[in-house]
PDB file of N, CA and C in Angstrom:
ATOM      1  N   UNK A   1      30.193   7.874  31.320  1.00  0.00           N
ATOM      2  CA  UNK A   1      30.239   9.291  31.666  1.00  0.00           C
ATOM      3  C   UNK A   1      28.992   9.963  31.094  1.00  0.00           C
ATOM      4  N   UNK A   2      28.369  10.832  31.875  1.00  0.00           N
ATOM      5  CA  UNK A   2      27.157  11.502  31.412  1.00  0.00           C
ATOM      6  C   UNK A   2      27.515  12.766  30.645  1.00  0.00           C
ATOM      7  N   UNK A   3      26.532  13.279  29.894  1.00  0.00           N
ATOM      8  CA  UNK A   3      26.754  14.518  29.144  1.00  0.00           C
ATOM      9  C   UNK A   3      27.089  15.667  30.088  1.00  0.00           C
ATOM     10  N   UNK A   4      26.481  15.679  31.277  1.00  0.00           N
ATOM     11  CA  UNK A   4      26.750  16.757  32.221  1.00  0.00           C
ATOM     12  C   UNK A   4      28.215  16.790  32.617  1.00  0.00           C
ATOM     13  N   UNK A   5      28.835  15.615  32.732  1.00  0.00           N
ATOM     14  CA  UNK A   5      30.246  15.578  33.073  1.00  0.00           C
ATOM     15  C   UNK A   5      31.124  15.963  31.891  1.00  0.00           C
ATOM     16  N   UNK A   6      30.650  15.712  30.688  1.00  0.00           N
ATOM     17  CA  UNK A   6      31.421  16.052  29.490  1.00  0.00           C
ATOM     18  C   UNK A   6      31.356  17.545  29.191  1.00  0.00           C
ATOM     19  N   UNK A   7      30.202  18.160  29.425  1.00  0.00           N
ATOM     20  CA  UNK A   7      30.017  19.588  29.187  1.00  0.00           C
ATOM     21  C   UNK A   7      29.756  20.238  30.545  1.00  0.00           C
ATOM     22  N   UNK A   8      30.710  21.023  30.993  1.00  0.00           N
ATOM     23  CA  UNK A   8      30.657  21.637  32.309  1.00  0.00           C
ATOM     24  C   UNK A   8      29.793  22.894  32.296  1.00  0.00           C
ATOM     25  N   UNK A   9      28.984  23.053  33.328  1.00  0.00           N
ATOM     26  CA  UNK A   9      28.268  24.312  33.522  1.00  0.00           C
ATOM     27  C   UNK A   9      29.251  25.307  34.107  1.00  0.00           C
ATOM     28  N   UNK A  10      29.423  26.424  33.420  1.00  0.00           N
ATOM     29  CA  UNK A  10      30.415  27.427  33.798  1.00  0.00           C
ATOM     30  C   UNK A  10      29.697  28.657  34.337  1.00  0.00           C
ATOM     31  N   UNK A  11      30.285  29.268  35.377  1.00  0.00           N
ATOM     32  CA  UNK A  11      29.698  30.466  35.974  1.00  0.00           C
ATOM     33  C   UNK A  11      30.722  31.600  35.992  1.00  0.00           C
ATOM     34  N   UNK A  12      30.232  32.783  36.358  1.00  0.00           N
ATOM     35  CA  UNK A  12      31.130  33.921  36.520  1.00  0.00           C
ATOM     36  C   UNK A  12      32.214  33.621  37.551  1.00  0.00           C
ATOM     37  N   UNK A  13      31.891  32.761  38.516  1.00  0.00           N
ATOM     38  CA  UNK A  13      32.816  32.481  39.615  1.00  0.00           C
ATOM     39  C   UNK A  13      33.900  31.464  39.281  1.00  0.00           C
ATOM     40  N   UNK A  14      33.652  30.574  38.306  1.00  0.00           N
ATOM     41  CA  UNK A  14      34.633  29.505  38.091  1.00  0.00           C
ATOM     42  C   UNK A  14      35.252  29.450  36.687  1.00  0.00           C
ATOM     43  N   UNK A  15      34.909  30.378  35.818  1.00  0.00           N
ATOM     44  CA  UNK A  15      35.425  30.295  34.445  1.00  0.00           C
ATOM     45  C   UNK A  15      36.942  30.389  34.380  1.00  0.00           C
ATOM     46  N   UNK A  16      37.537  31.200  35.251  1.00  0.00           N
ATOM     47  CA  UNK A  16      38.996  31.343  35.224  1.00  0.00           C
ATOM     48  C   UNK A  16      39.677  30.037  35.617  1.00  0.00           C
ATOM     49  N   UNK A  17      39.100  29.311  36.569  1.00  0.00           N
ATOM     50  CA  UNK A  17      39.663  28.016  36.977  1.00  0.00           C
ATOM     51  C   UNK A  17      39.652  27.038  35.809  1.00  0.00           C
ATOM     52  N   UNK A  18      38.574  27.031  35.058  1.00  0.00           N
ATOM     53  CA  UNK A  18      38.462  26.115  33.913  1.00  0.00           C
ATOM     54  C   UNK A  18      39.516  26.457  32.863  1.00  0.00           C
ATOM     55  N   UNK A  19      39.716  27.754  32.619  1.00  0.00           N
ATOM     56  CA  UNK A  19      40.742  28.162  31.649  1.00  0.00           C
ATOM     57  C   UNK A  19      42.146  27.795  32.133  1.00  0.00           C
ATOM     58  N   UNK A  20      42.392  27.915  33.437  1.00  0.00           N
ATOM     59  CA  UNK A  20      43.707  27.600  33.987  1.00  0.00           C
ATOM     60  C   UNK A  20      43.988  26.100  33.982  1.00  0.00           C
ATOM     61  N   UNK A  21      42.948  25.298  34.180  1.00  0.00           N
ATOM     62  CA  UNK A  21      43.118  23.853  34.349  1.00  0.00           C
ATOM     63  C   UNK A  21      43.111  23.061  33.042  1.00  0.00           C
ATOM     64  N   UNK A  22      42.811  23.718  31.916  1.00  0.00           N
ATOM     65  CA  UNK A  22      42.680  23.009  30.642  1.00  0.00           C
ATOM     66  C   UNK A  22      43.396  23.770  29.539  1.00  0.00           C
ATOM     67  N   UNK A  23      44.138  23.053  28.706  1.00  0.00           N
ATOM     68  CA  UNK A  23      44.875  23.697  27.612  1.00  0.00           C
ATOM     69  C   UNK A  23      43.928  24.225  26.533  1.00  0.00           C
ATOM     70  N   UNK A  24      42.954  23.389  26.129  1.00  0.00           N
ATOM     71  CA  UNK A  24      42.013  23.755  25.068  1.00  0.00           C
ATOM     72  C   UNK A  24      40.597  23.780  25.642  1.00  0.00           C
ATOM     73  N   UNK A  25      39.947  24.932  25.514  1.00  0.00           N
ATOM     74  CA  UNK A  25      38.612  25.119  26.084  1.00  0.00           C
ATOM     75  C   UNK A  25      37.704  25.779  25.060  1.00  0.00           C
ATOM     76  N   UNK A  26      36.449  25.316  25.003  1.00  0.00           N
ATOM     77  CA  UNK A  26      35.409  25.989  24.224  1.00  0.00           C
ATOM     78  C   UNK A  26      34.290  26.371  25.189  1.00  0.00           C
ATOM     79  N   UNK A  27      33.975  27.668  25.242  1.00  0.00           N
ATOM     80  CA  UNK A  27      32.826  28.138  26.007  1.00  0.00           C
ATOM     81  C   UNK A  27      31.669  28.373  25.050  1.00  0.00           C
ATOM     82  N   UNK A  28      30.532  27.807  25.406  1.00  0.00           N
ATOM     83  CA  UNK A  28      29.287  27.926  24.644  1.00  0.00           C
ATOM     84  C   UNK A  28      28.383  28.890  25.413  1.00  0.00           C
ATOM     85  N   UNK A  29      28.161  30.083  24.861  1.00  0.00           N
ATOM     86  CA  UNK A  29      27.288  31.078  25.486  1.00  0.00           C
ATOM     87  C   UNK A  29      25.881  30.886  24.950  1.00  0.00           C
ATOM     88  N   UNK A  30      24.910  30.739  25.862  1.00  0.00           N
ATOM     89  CA  UNK A  30      23.554  30.381  25.469  1.00  0.00           C
ATOM     90  C   UNK A  30      22.534  31.005  26.425  1.00  0.00           C
ATOM     91  N   UNK A  31      21.257  30.863  26.064  1.00  0.00           N
ATOM     92  CA  UNK A  31      20.138  31.278  26.920  1.00  0.00           C
ATOM     93  C   UNK A  31      18.961  30.341  26.649  1.00  0.00           C
ATOM     94  N   UNK A  32      18.082  30.208  27.627  1.00  0.00           N
ATOM     95  CA  UNK A  32      16.956  29.280  27.498  1.00  0.00           C
ATOM     96  C   UNK A  32      16.000  29.688  26.379  1.00  0.00           C
ATOM     97  N   UNK A  33      15.929  30.968  26.063  1.00  0.00           N
ATOM     98  CA  UNK A  33      15.003  31.472  25.036  1.00  0.00           C
ATOM     99  C   UNK A  33      15.605  31.437  23.622  1.00  0.00           C
ATOM    100  N   UNK A  34      16.840  30.976  23.497  1.00  0.00           N
ATOM    101  CA  UNK A  34      17.559  30.986  22.216  1.00  0.00           C
ATOM    102  C   UNK A  34      17.430  29.629  21.527  1.00  0.00           C
ATOM    103  N   UNK A  35      16.564  29.549  20.523  1.00  0.00           N
ATOM    104  CA  UNK A  35      16.344  28.275  19.807  1.00  0.00           C
ATOM    105  C   UNK A  35      17.612  27.719  19.160  1.00  0.00           C
ATOM    106  N   UNK A  36      18.406  28.539  18.445  1.00  0.00           N
ATOM    107  CA  UNK A  36      19.646  27.998  17.868  1.00  0.00           C
ATOM    108  C   UNK A  36      20.601  27.461  18.940  1.00  0.00           C
ATOM    109  N   UNK A  37      20.577  28.074  20.128  1.00  0.00           N
ATOM    110  CA  UNK A  37      21.425  27.586  21.229  1.00  0.00           C
ATOM    111  C   UNK A  37      21.017  26.171  21.620  1.00  0.00           C
ATOM    112  N   UNK A  38      19.709  25.965  21.758  1.00  0.00           N
ATOM    113  CA  UNK A  38      19.188  24.657  22.150  1.00  0.00           C
ATOM    114  C   UNK A  38      19.492  23.628  21.052  1.00  0.00           C
ATOM    115  N   UNK A  39      19.399  24.046  19.792  1.00  0.00           N
ATOM    116  CA  UNK A  39      19.691  23.144  18.673  1.00  0.00           C
ATOM    117  C   UNK A  39      21.162  22.713  18.665  1.00  0.00           C
ATOM    118  N   UNK A  40      22.037  23.535  19.226  1.00  0.00           N
ATOM    119  CA  UNK A  40      23.469  23.208  19.261  1.00  0.00           C
ATOM    120  C   UNK A  40      23.809  22.192  20.347  1.00  0.00           C
ATOM    121  N   UNK A  41      22.932  22.000  21.330  1.00  0.00           N
ATOM    122  CA  UNK A  41      23.230  21.109  22.457  1.00  0.00           C
ATOM    123  C   UNK A  41      23.708  19.723  22.041  1.00  0.00           C
ATOM    124  N   UNK A  42      22.979  19.006  21.175  1.00  0.00           N
ATOM    125  CA  UNK A  42      23.458  17.661  20.828  1.00  0.00           C
ATOM    126  C   UNK A  42      24.792  17.669  20.081  1.00  0.00           C
ATOM    127  N   UNK A  43      25.047  18.713  19.324  1.00  0.00           N
ATOM    128  CA  UNK A  43      26.324  18.823  18.606  1.00  0.00           C
ATOM    129  C   UNK A  43      27.457  19.019  19.601  1.00  0.00           C
ATOM    130  N   UNK A  44      27.257  19.932  20.549  1.00  0.00           N
ATOM    131  CA  UNK A  44      28.274  20.195  21.567  1.00  0.00           C
ATOM    132  C   UNK A  44      28.513  18.942  22.410  1.00  0.00           C
ATOM    133  N   UNK A  45      27.445  18.283  22.814  1.00  0.00           N
ATOM    134  CA  UNK A  45      27.574  17.072  23.637  1.00  0.00           C
ATOM    135  C   UNK A  45      28.311  15.967  22.882  1.00  0.00           C
ATOM    136  N   UNK A  46      28.008  15.803  21.599  1.00  0.00           N
ATOM    137  CA  UNK A  46      28.687  14.790  20.791  1.00  0.00           C
ATOM    138  C   UNK A  46      30.166  15.082  20.631  1.00  0.00           C
ATOM    139  N   UNK A  47      30.493  16.348  20.360  1.00  0.00           N
ATOM    140  CA  UNK A  47      31.903  16.717  20.203  1.00  0.00           C
ATOM    141  C   UNK A  47      32.644  16.635  21.538  1.00  0.00           C
ATOM    142  N   UNK A  48      31.962  16.962  22.629  1.00  0.00           N
ATOM    143  CA  UNK A  48      32.583  16.864  23.953  1.00  0.00           C
ATOM    144  C   UNK A  48      32.946  15.411  24.262  1.00  0.00           C
ATOM    145  N   UNK A  49      32.089  14.503  23.840  1.00  0.00           N
ATOM    146  CA  UNK A  49      32.381  13.087  24.053  1.00  0.00           C
ATOM    147  C   UNK A  49      33.532  12.632  23.160  1.00  0.00           C
ATOM    148  N   UNK A  50      33.492  13.060  21.913  1.00  0.00           N
ATOM    149  CA  UNK A  50      34.514  12.641  20.947  1.00  0.00           C
ATOM    150  C   UNK A  50      35.897  13.201  21.277  1.00  0.00           C
ATOM    151  N   UNK A  51      35.941  14.443  21.775  1.00  0.00           N
ATOM    152  CA  UNK A  51      37.218  15.111  22.053  1.00  0.00           C
ATOM    153  C   UNK A  51      37.475  15.249  23.554  1.00  0.00           C
ATOM    154  N   UNK A  52      36.884  14.363  24.340  1.00  0.00           N
ATOM    155  CA  UNK A  52      36.937  14.436  25.791  1.00  0.00           C
ATOM    156  C   UNK A  52      38.353  14.548  26.345  1.00  0.00           C
ATOM    157  N   UNK A  53      39.296  13.876  25.745  1.00  0.00           N
ATOM    158  CA  UNK A  53      40.667  13.899  26.264  1.00  0.00           C
ATOM    159  C   UNK A  53      41.495  15.072  25.729  1.00  0.00           C
ATOM    160  N   UNK A  54      40.911  15.882  24.839  1.00  0.00           N
ATOM    161  CA  UNK A  54      41.680  16.962  24.216  1.00  0.00           C
ATOM    162  C   UNK A  54      41.098  18.359  24.442  1.00  0.00           C
ATOM    163  N   UNK A  55      39.768  18.466  24.537  1.00  0.00           N
ATOM    164  CA  UNK A  55      39.106  19.770  24.628  1.00  0.00           C
ATOM    165  C   UNK A  55      38.093  19.744  25.767  1.00  0.00           C
ATOM    166  N   UNK A  56      38.094  20.801  26.579  1.00  0.00           N
ATOM    167  CA  UNK A  56      37.098  20.953  27.638  1.00  0.00           C
ATOM    168  C   UNK A  56      35.990  21.872  27.116  1.00  0.00           C
ATOM    169  N   UNK A  57      34.753  21.412  27.192  1.00  0.00           N
ATOM    170  CA  UNK A  57      33.601  22.201  26.770  1.00  0.00           C
ATOM    171  C   UNK A  57      32.866  22.719  27.999  1.00  0.00           C
ATOM    172  N   UNK A  58      32.510  23.993  27.963  1.00  0.00           N
ATOM    173  CA  UNK A  58      31.745  24.590  29.048  1.00  0.00           C
ATOM    174  C   UNK A  58      30.608  25.433  28.515  1.00  0.00           C
ATOM    175  N   UNK A  59      29.457  25.346  29.190  1.00  0.00           N
ATOM    176  CA  UNK A  59      28.284  26.129  28.792  1.00  0.00           C
ATOM    177  C   UNK A  59      28.066  27.260  29.799  1.00  0.00           C
ATOM    178  N   UNK A  60      27.870  28.466  29.288  1.00  0.00           N
ATOM    179  CA  UNK A  60      27.639  29.639  30.129  1.00  0.00           C
ATOM    180  C   UNK A  60      26.275  30.217  29.793  1.00  0.00           C
ATOM    181  N   UNK A  61      25.353  30.114  30.741  1.00  0.00           N
ATOM    182  CA  UNK A  61      24.016  30.678  30.573  1.00  0.00           C
ATOM    183  C   UNK A  61      24.100  32.174  30.860  1.00  0.00           C
ATOM    184  N   UNK A  62      23.875  32.990  29.836  1.00  0.00           N
ATOM    185  CA  UNK A  62      24.029  34.439  30.004  1.00  0.00           C
ATOM    186  C   UNK A  62      22.931  35.046  30.870  1.00  0.00           C
ATOM    187  N   UNK A  63      21.838  34.312  31.073  1.00  0.00           N
ATOM    188  CA  UNK A  63      20.762  34.815  31.929  1.00  0.00           C
ATOM    189  C   UNK A  63      21.185  34.819  33.397  1.00  0.00           C
ATOM    190  N   UNK A  64      22.074  33.908  33.767  1.00  0.00           N
ATOM    191  CA  UNK A  64      22.521  33.778  35.150  1.00  0.00           C
ATOM    192  C   UNK A  64      23.926  34.311  35.385  1.00  0.00           C
ATOM    193  N   UNK A  65      24.635  34.585  34.321  1.00  0.00           N
ATOM    194  CA  UNK A  65      26.031  35.018  34.411  1.00  0.00           C
ATOM    195  C   UNK A  65      26.261  36.167  33.440  1.00  0.00           C
ATOM    196  N   UNK A  66      26.562  37.331  33.956  1.00  0.00           N
ATOM    197  CA  UNK A  66      26.751  38.498  33.083  1.00  0.00           C
ATOM    198  C   UNK A  66      28.210  38.921  32.954  1.00  0.00           C
ATOM    199  N   UNK A  67      29.043  38.546  33.916  1.00  0.00           N
ATOM    200  CA  UNK A  67      30.434  38.990  33.912  1.00  0.00           C
ATOM    201  C   UNK A  67      31.230  38.411  32.741  1.00  0.00           C
ATOM    202  N   UNK A  68      31.118  37.110  32.530  1.00  0.00           N
ATOM    203  CA  UNK A  68      31.912  36.461  31.473  1.00  0.00           C
ATOM    204  C   UNK A  68      31.513  36.971  30.086  1.00  0.00           C
ATOM    205  N   UNK A  69      30.204  36.993  29.746  1.00  0.00           N
ATOM    206  CA  UNK A  69      29.846  37.520  28.421  1.00  0.00           C
ATOM    207  C   UNK A  69      30.305  38.968  28.223  1.00  0.00           C
ATOM    208  N   UNK A  70      30.201  39.765  29.281  1.00  0.00           N
ATOM    209  CA  UNK A  70      30.632  41.154  29.195  1.00  0.00           C
ATOM    210  C   UNK A  70      32.148  41.247  29.003  1.00  0.00           C
ATOM    211  N   UNK A  71      32.884  40.468  29.754  1.00  0.00           N
ATOM    212  CA  UNK A  71      34.345  40.495  29.665  1.00  0.00           C
ATOM    213  C   UNK A  71      34.841  40.157  28.268  1.00  0.00           C
ATOM    214  N   UNK A  72      34.162  39.212  27.605  1.00  0.00           N
ATOM    215  CA  UNK A  72      34.608  38.773  26.290  1.00  0.00           C
ATOM    216  C   UNK A  72      33.759  39.343  25.148  1.00  0.00           C
ATOM    217  N   UNK A  73      32.970  40.372  25.442  1.00  0.00           N
ATOM    218  CA  UNK A  73      32.174  41.095  24.435  1.00  0.00           C
ATOM    219  C   UNK A  73      31.263  40.180  23.625  1.00  0.00           C
ATOM    220  N   UNK A  74      30.593  39.254  24.305  1.00  0.00           N
ATOM    221  CA  UNK A  74      29.633  38.378  23.642  1.00  0.00           C
ATOM    222  C   UNK A  74      28.339  39.168  23.463  1.00  0.00           C
ATOM    223  N   UNK A  75      27.937  39.349  22.191  1.00  0.00           N
ATOM    224  CA  UNK A  75      26.770  40.185  21.896  1.00  0.00           C
ATOM    225  C   UNK A  75      25.683  39.456  21.132  1.00  0.00           C
ATOM    226  N   UNK A  76      25.937  38.214  20.730  1.00  0.00           N
ATOM    227  CA  UNK A  76      24.903  37.459  20.029  1.00  0.00           C
ATOM    228  C   UNK A  76      24.978  36.001  20.473  1.00  0.00           C
ATOM    229  N   UNK A  77      23.866  35.310  20.278  1.00  0.00           N
ATOM    230  CA  UNK A  77      23.767  33.908  20.700  1.00  0.00           C
ATOM    231  C   UNK A  77      23.338  33.038  19.541  1.00  0.00           C
ATOM    232  N   UNK A  78      23.791  31.801  19.510  1.00  0.00           N
ATOM    233  CA  UNK A  78      24.866  31.302  20.364  1.00  0.00           C
ATOM    234  C   UNK A  78      26.204  31.877  19.944  1.00  0.00           C
ATOM    235  N   UNK A  79      27.105  31.962  20.897  1.00  0.00           N
ATOM    236  CA  UNK A  79      28.489  32.355  20.623  1.00  0.00           C
ATOM    237  C   UNK A  79      29.404  31.317  21.238  1.00  0.00           C
ATOM    238  N   UNK A  80      30.510  31.078  20.560  1.00  0.00           N
ATOM    239  CA  UNK A  80      31.475  30.087  21.008  1.00  0.00           C
ATOM    240  C   UNK A  80      32.850  30.731  21.038  1.00  0.00           C
ATOM    241  N   UNK A  81      33.505  30.637  22.175  1.00  0.00           N
ATOM    242  CA  UNK A  81      34.859  31.154  22.308  1.00  0.00           C
ATOM    243  C   UNK A  81      35.817  29.989  22.474  1.00  0.00           C
ATOM    244  N   UNK A  82      36.851  29.967  21.643  1.00  0.00           N
ATOM    245  CA  UNK A  82      37.871  28.931  21.668  1.00  0.00           C
ATOM    246  C   UNK A  82      39.103  29.500  22.367  1.00  0.00           C
ATOM    247  N   UNK A  83      39.536  28.840  23.426  1.00  0.00           N
ATOM    248  CA  UNK A  83      40.700  29.282  24.186  1.00  0.00           C
ATOM    249  C   UNK A  83      41.799  28.229  24.103  1.00  0.00           C
ATOM    250  N   UNK A  84      43.011  28.701  23.908  1.00  0.00           N
ATOM    251  CA  UNK A  84      44.176  27.817  23.988  1.00  0.00           C
ATOM    252  C   UNK A  84      45.154  28.460  24.963  1.00  0.00           C
ATOM    253  N   UNK A  85      45.534  27.702  25.970  1.00  0.00           N
ATOM    254  CA  UNK A  85      46.422  28.202  27.022  1.00  0.00           C
ATOM    255  C   UNK A  85      45.888  29.501  27.635  1.00  0.00           C
ATOM    256  N   UNK A  86      44.573  29.570  27.827  1.00  0.00           N
ATOM    257  CA  UNK A  86      43.949  30.713  28.489  1.00  0.00           C
ATOM    258  C   UNK A  86      43.698  31.928  27.618  1.00  0.00           C
ATOM    259  N   UNK A  87      44.095  31.862  26.359  1.00  0.00           N
ATOM    260  CA  UNK A  87      43.931  32.998  25.447  1.00  0.00           C
ATOM    261  C   UNK A  87      42.914  32.671  24.358  1.00  0.00           C
ATOM    262  N   UNK A  88      42.090  33.658  23.999  1.00  0.00           N
ATOM    263  CA  UNK A  88      41.113  33.450  22.925  1.00  0.00           C
ATOM    264  C   UNK A  88      41.849  33.301  21.595  1.00  0.00           C
ATOM    265  N   UNK A  89      41.535  32.222  20.892  1.00  0.00           N
ATOM    266  CA  UNK A  89      42.109  32.027  19.562  1.00  0.00           C
ATOM    267  C   UNK A  89      41.050  32.153  18.473  1.00  0.00           C
ATOM    268  N   UNK A  90      39.754  32.079  18.852  1.00  0.00           N
ATOM    269  CA  UNK A  90      38.687  32.169  17.855  1.00  0.00           C
ATOM    270  C   UNK A  90      37.374  32.484  18.539  1.00  0.00           C
ATOM    271  N   UNK A  91      36.574  33.335  17.883  1.00  0.00           N
ATOM    272  CA  UNK A  91      35.194  33.614  18.295  1.00  0.00           C
ATOM    273  C   UNK A  91      34.284  33.231  17.146  1.00  0.00           C
ATOM    274  N   UNK A  92      33.246  32.485  17.458  1.00  0.00           N
ATOM    275  CA  UNK A  92      32.259  32.093  16.448  1.00  0.00           C
ATOM    276  C   UNK A  92      30.881  32.502  16.931  1.00  0.00           C
ATOM    277  N   UNK A  93      30.055  32.981  16.013  1.00  0.00           N
ATOM    278  CA  UNK A  93      28.673  33.336  16.341  1.00  0.00           C
ATOM    279  C   UNK A  93      27.735  32.544  15.443  1.00  0.00           C
ATOM    280  N   UNK A  94      26.621  32.137  16.037  1.00  0.00           N
ATOM    281  CA  UNK A  94      25.611  31.452  15.255  1.00  0.00           C
ATOM    282  C   UNK A  94      25.765  29.943  15.289  1.00  0.00           C
ATOM    283  N   UNK A  95      24.690  29.275  14.902  1.00  0.00           N
ATOM    284  CA  UNK A  95      24.673  27.810  14.889  1.00  0.00           C
ATOM    285  C   UNK A  95      25.580  27.275  13.788  1.00  0.00           C
ATOM    286  N   UNK A  96      26.229  26.166  14.078  1.00  0.00           N
ATOM    287  CA  UNK A  96      27.124  25.508  13.132  1.00  0.00           C
ATOM    288  C   UNK A  96      26.729  24.039  13.029  1.00  0.00           C
ATOM    289  N   UNK A  97      27.039  23.441  11.900  1.00  0.00           N
ATOM    290  CA  UNK A  97      26.849  21.997  11.787  1.00  0.00           C
ATOM    291  C   UNK A  97      27.958  21.307  12.576  1.00  0.00           C
ATOM    292  N   UNK A  98      27.774  20.029  12.846  1.00  0.00           N
ATOM    293  CA  UNK A  98      28.811  19.262  13.554  1.00  0.00           C
ATOM    294  C   UNK A  98      30.114  19.309  12.764  1.00  0.00           C
ATOM    295  N   UNK A  99      30.023  19.154  11.453  1.00  0.00           N
ATOM    296  CA  UNK A  99      31.216  19.158  10.603  1.00  0.00           C
ATOM    297  C   UNK A  99      31.933  20.513  10.661  1.00  0.00           C
ATOM    298  N   UNK A 100      31.169  21.615  10.594  1.00  0.00           N
ATOM    299  CA  UNK A 100      31.775  22.941  10.666  1.00  0.00           C
ATOM    300  C   UNK A 100      32.465  23.153  12.015  1.00  0.00           C
ATOM    301  N   UNK A 101      31.780  22.752  13.087  1.00  0.00           N
ATOM    302  CA  UNK A 101      32.332  22.935  14.423  1.00  0.00           C
ATOM    303  C   UNK A 101      33.598  22.097  14.593  1.00  0.00           C
ATOM    304  N   UNK A 102      33.545  20.862  14.130  1.00  0.00           N
ATOM    305  CA  UNK A 102      34.696  19.975  14.254  1.00  0.00           C
ATOM    306  C   UNK A 102      35.894  20.523  13.473  1.00  0.00           C
ATOM    307  N   UNK A 103      35.656  21.083  12.317  1.00  0.00           N
ATOM    308  CA  UNK A 103      36.728  21.684  11.523  1.00  0.00           C
ATOM    309  C   UNK A 103      37.382  22.839  12.293  1.00  0.00           C
ATOM    310  N   UNK A 104      36.568  23.624  12.979  1.00  0.00           N
ATOM    311  CA  UNK A 104      37.109  24.743  13.753  1.00  0.00           C
ATOM    312  C   UNK A 104      37.912  24.242  14.954  1.00  0.00           C
ATOM    313  N   UNK A 105      37.460  23.150  15.572  1.00  0.00           N
ATOM    314  CA  UNK A 105      38.238  22.534  16.660  1.00  0.00           C
ATOM    315  C   UNK A 105      39.607  22.108  16.149  1.00  0.00           C
ATOM    316  N   UNK A 106      39.606  21.405  15.040  1.00  0.00           N
ATOM    317  CA  UNK A 106      40.863  20.894  14.486  1.00  0.00           C
ATOM    318  C   UNK A 106      41.813  22.035  14.108  1.00  0.00           C
ATOM    319  N   UNK A 107      41.266  23.066  13.461  1.00  0.00           N
ATOM    320  CA  UNK A 107      42.085  24.179  13.010  1.00  0.00           C
ATOM    321  C   UNK A 107      42.643  24.999  14.179  1.00  0.00           C
ATOM    322  N   UNK A 108      41.791  25.317  15.152  1.00  0.00           N
ATOM    323  CA  UNK A 108      42.205  26.211  16.224  1.00  0.00           C
ATOM    324  C   UNK A 108      43.014  25.533  17.323  1.00  0.00           C
ATOM    325  N   UNK A 109      42.856  24.217  17.454  1.00  0.00           N
ATOM    326  CA  UNK A 109      43.577  23.489  18.497  1.00  0.00           C
ATOM    327  C   UNK A 109      44.614  22.520  17.935  1.00  0.00           C
ATOM    328  N   UNK A 110      44.875  22.587  16.629  1.00  0.00           N
ATOM    329  CA  UNK A 110      45.866  21.705  15.998  1.00  0.00           C
ATOM    330  C   UNK A 110      45.615  20.235  16.331  1.00  0.00           C
ATOM    331  N   UNK A 111      44.371  19.809  16.195  1.00  0.00           N
ATOM    332  CA  UNK A 111      44.006  18.421  16.496  1.00  0.00           C
ATOM    333  C   UNK A 111      44.103  17.542  15.261  1.00  0.00           C
TER     334      UNK A 111
END
Protein backbone atom coordinates (compact mmCIF):
# COMPACT_ATOMS: atom_id res chain seq x y z
CA UNK A 1 0.00 0.00 0.00
CA UNK A 2 1.36 3.44 -0.88
CA UNK A 3 1.47 6.45 1.42
CA UNK A 4 -1.15 8.14 -0.76
CA UNK A 5 -3.59 5.35 0.01
CA UNK A 6 -2.78 5.50 3.72
CA UNK A 7 -3.21 9.28 3.97
CA UNK A 8 -6.23 10.49 2.02
CA UNK A 9 -6.35 13.88 0.33
CA UNK A 10 -9.46 15.52 1.75
CA UNK A 11 -11.45 18.33 0.13
CA UNK A 12 -14.34 20.60 1.04
CA UNK A 13 -16.52 18.27 -1.03
CA UNK A 14 -15.69 14.93 0.58
CA UNK A 15 -14.71 15.54 4.22
CA UNK A 16 -18.18 14.66 5.52
CA UNK A 17 -18.07 11.29 3.72
CA UNK A 18 -14.74 10.47 5.37
CA UNK A 19 -16.13 11.34 8.81
CA UNK A 20 -19.24 9.22 8.18
CA UNK A 21 -17.30 6.21 6.86
CA UNK A 22 -14.67 6.00 9.63
CA UNK A 23 -14.99 5.80 13.42
CA UNK A 24 -11.62 7.45 14.17
CA UNK A 25 -10.31 10.20 11.90
CA UNK A 26 -7.42 12.67 12.06
CA UNK A 27 -7.45 15.64 9.69
CA UNK A 28 -4.09 17.28 9.06
CA UNK A 29 -4.51 20.92 7.96
CA UNK A 30 -1.49 22.13 6.00
CA UNK A 31 -0.18 24.44 3.26
CA UNK A 32 2.72 24.19 0.82
CA UNK A 33 4.42 27.26 2.36
CA UNK A 34 4.27 25.84 5.92
CA UNK A 35 7.63 24.27 6.85
CA UNK A 36 6.38 22.59 10.07
CA UNK A 37 3.53 21.09 8.02
CA UNK A 38 5.99 19.54 5.57
CA UNK A 39 8.13 18.28 8.48
CA UNK A 40 5.06 16.45 9.86
CA UNK A 41 4.52 14.47 6.62
CA UNK A 42 6.77 11.49 7.46
CA UNK A 43 5.33 11.31 10.98
CA UNK A 44 1.75 11.30 9.69
CA UNK A 45 2.59 8.75 6.99
CA UNK A 46 4.31 6.46 9.52
CA UNK A 47 1.42 6.63 11.97
CA UNK A 48 -1.10 6.11 9.15
CA UNK A 49 0.71 2.91 8.24
CA UNK A 50 0.99 1.76 11.85
CA UNK A 51 -2.66 2.50 12.71
CA UNK A 52 -4.10 1.73 9.27
CA UNK A 53 -6.80 -0.58 10.61
CA UNK A 54 -7.85 1.77 13.43
CA UNK A 55 -7.48 5.43 12.35
CA UNK A 56 -8.14 7.17 9.03
CA UNK A 57 -5.72 10.03 8.28
CA UNK A 58 -6.65 12.81 5.89
CA UNK A 59 -4.71 15.85 4.70
CA UNK A 60 -6.54 19.11 3.92
CA UNK A 61 -4.62 21.73 1.95
CA UNK A 62 -6.04 25.05 3.16
CA UNK A 63 -4.85 26.79 -0.01
CA UNK A 64 -7.33 24.76 -2.07
CA UNK A 65 -10.05 24.21 0.52
CA UNK A 66 -11.45 27.00 2.67
CA UNK A 67 -14.77 25.57 3.88
CA UNK A 68 -13.42 22.86 6.19
CA UNK A 69 -10.81 25.05 7.97
CA UNK A 70 -13.43 27.76 8.39
CA UNK A 71 -16.06 25.35 9.70
CA UNK A 72 -13.71 24.01 12.36
CA UNK A 73 -12.03 27.37 13.18
CA UNK A 74 -8.55 26.30 12.08
CA UNK A 75 -6.39 29.41 12.50
CA UNK A 76 -2.83 28.10 12.64
CA UNK A 77 -0.75 25.50 10.83
CA UNK A 78 -0.19 22.73 11.16
CA UNK A 79 -3.42 21.87 12.93
CA UNK A 80 -4.75 18.41 13.64
CA UNK A 81 -8.36 17.59 14.41
CA UNK A 82 -9.19 14.25 16.01
CA UNK A 83 -12.71 12.97 15.33
CA UNK A 84 -14.46 10.03 16.94
CA UNK A 85 -17.84 9.02 15.54
CA UNK A 86 -17.95 12.28 13.56
CA UNK A 87 -17.39 14.54 16.57
CA UNK A 88 -14.24 16.51 17.41
CA UNK A 89 -12.56 15.07 20.48
CA UNK A 90 -9.26 17.00 20.27
CA UNK A 91 -7.62 19.91 18.45
CA UNK A 92 -3.84 20.17 18.28
CA UNK A 93 -1.76 23.00 16.84
CA UNK A 94 1.87 22.93 15.89
CA UNK A 95 4.39 20.25 15.04
CA UNK A 96 4.58 17.20 17.30
CA UNK A 97 7.07 14.40 17.63
CA UNK A 98 5.97 10.91 16.58
CA UNK A 99 5.82 9.91 20.25
CA UNK A 100 3.67 12.93 21.19
CA UNK A 101 1.31 12.33 18.28
CA UNK A 102 1.03 8.62 19.02
CA UNK A 103 0.21 9.36 22.67
CA UNK A 104 -2.61 11.65 21.55
CA UNK A 105 -3.95 8.93 19.21
CA UNK A 106 -3.96 6.42 22.04
CA UNK A 107 -5.57 8.81 24.52
CA UNK A 108 -8.25 10.25 22.25
CA UNK A 109 -9.20 7.02 20.47
CA UNK A 110 -8.74 4.57 23.38
CA UNK A 111 -6.17 2.57 21.41
